[in-house]
């Protein structure tokens, strides 16, 4: 078992952790093994997965286009060009 785990580790350049090694063993060699056992064997062999570098978080960005908060009725009145009372305000 240890030889197959080392084979997986070397073939995939240490990217796989114990969970993915377990799946790899099941798919390539049809070996069903508990994930705890795979974790223990990898610990005995001194194999650890390569952790990806975390990307920096720069916070929430400001919107590029900031528009006024206008209702659809006021936009429609501006298009018509008349200064009458909008129907939306009468309904309220």
Protein backbone atom coordinates (compact mmCIF):
# COMPACT_ATOMS: atom_id res chain seq x y z
CA UNK A 1 0.00 0.00 0.00
CA UNK A 2 2.75 2.45 0.88
CA UNK A 3 4.38 1.93 -2.52
CA UNK A 4 1.14 2.83 -4.31
CA UNK A 5 0.72 5.93 -2.17
CA UNK A 6 4.32 7.01 -2.92
CA UNK A 7 3.69 6.34 -6.63
CA UNK A 8 0.66 8.64 -6.56
CA UNK A 9 2.56 11.31 -4.63
CA UNK A 10 5.51 11.32 -7.03
CA UNK A 11 3.41 11.08 -10.18
CA UNK A 12 1.30 14.09 -9.20
CA UNK A 13 4.22 16.08 -7.71
CA UNK A 14 2.83 16.13 -4.18
CA UNK A 15 -0.34 18.03 -5.03
CA UNK A 16 -2.78 15.42 -3.76
CA UNK A 17 -3.68 15.19 -0.09
CA UNK A 18 -4.98 12.06 1.62
CA UNK A 19 -8.55 12.52 0.36
CA UNK A 20 -7.57 12.72 -3.29
CA UNK A 21 -4.95 9.96 -2.88
CA UNK A 22 -7.75 7.71 -1.59
CA UNK A 23 -9.85 8.46 -4.69
CA UNK A 24 -6.83 7.97 -6.96
CA UNK A 25 -6.12 4.54 -5.42
CA UNK A 26 -9.73 3.51 -5.91
CA UNK A 27 -9.80 4.60 -9.57
CA UNK A 28 -6.40 3.41 -10.76
CA UNK A 29 -5.79 0.29 -8.65
CA UNK A 30 -9.37 -0.57 -7.56
CA UNK A 31 -8.21 -0.52 -3.94
CA UNK A 32 -10.83 0.43 -1.37
CA UNK A 33 -9.18 1.94 1.68
CA UNK A 34 -10.42 4.09 4.54
CA UNK A 35 -9.33 7.75 4.37
CA UNK A 36 -8.00 7.55 7.94
CA UNK A 37 -5.70 4.73 6.95
CA UNK A 38 -4.43 6.67 3.94
CA UNK A 39 -3.81 9.67 6.20
CA UNK A 40 -1.92 7.55 8.72
CA UNK A 41 0.24 5.90 6.04
CA UNK A 42 1.05 9.24 4.45
CA UNK A 43 2.04 10.53 7.89
CA UNK A 44 4.34 7.56 8.42
CA UNK A 45 5.94 8.17 5.03
CA UNK A 46 6.30 11.88 5.73
CA UNK A 47 4.23 12.88 2.70
CA UNK A 48 2.33 16.14 2.88
CA UNK A 49 0.34 17.88 0.18
CA UNK A 50 1.57 21.15 -1.30
CA UNK A 51 -0.72 23.93 -0.12
CA UNK A 52 -1.67 26.55 -2.68
CA UNK A 53 -0.66 30.14 -1.97
CA UNK A 54 -3.57 32.22 -0.76
CA UNK A 55 -4.43 35.16 -2.97
CA UNK A 56 -4.59 38.60 -1.39
CA UNK A 57 -7.97 40.10 -0.61
CA UNK A 58 -8.16 43.78 -1.43
CA UNK A 59 -11.62 44.42 -0.04
CA UNK A 60 -14.81 45.54 -1.67
CA UNK A 61 -14.31 47.66 -4.78
CA UNK A 62 -16.15 50.90 -5.45
CA UNK A 63 -18.62 50.90 -8.34
CA UNK A 64 -17.36 52.46 -11.56
CA UNK A 65 -20.63 54.12 -12.56
CA UNK A 66 -22.61 55.84 -9.86
CA UNK A 67 -26.08 56.88 -10.96
CA UNK A 68 -28.73 58.85 -9.15
CA UNK A 69 -31.51 56.93 -7.48
CA UNK A 70 -34.44 57.89 -9.71
CA UNK A 71 -37.79 56.26 -10.04
CA UNK A 72 -39.06 55.17 -13.42
CA UNK A 73 -41.82 57.80 -13.27
CA UNK A 74 -39.39 60.71 -13.00
CA UNK A 75 -37.34 59.36 -15.91
CA UNK A 76 -40.50 59.07 -18.01
CA UNK A 77 -41.51 62.67 -17.17
CA UNK A 78 -38.10 63.97 -18.23
CA UNK A 79 -38.42 62.19 -21.58
CA UNK A 80 -41.88 63.65 -22.21
CA UNK A 81 -40.82 67.14 -21.22
CA UNK A 82 -43.99 68.03 -19.34
CA UNK A 83 -44.01 69.07 -15.71
CA UNK A 84 -47.28 67.33 -14.76
CA UNK A 85 -47.85 65.10 -11.77
CA UNK A 86 -46.60 61.57 -12.38
CA UNK A 87 -49.16 58.78 -12.16
CA UNK A 88 -46.93 56.82 -9.78
CA UNK A 89 -47.13 59.48 -7.07
CA UNK A 90 -50.96 59.58 -7.29
CA UNK A 91 -51.22 55.85 -6.65
CA UNK A 92 -49.47 56.19 -3.32
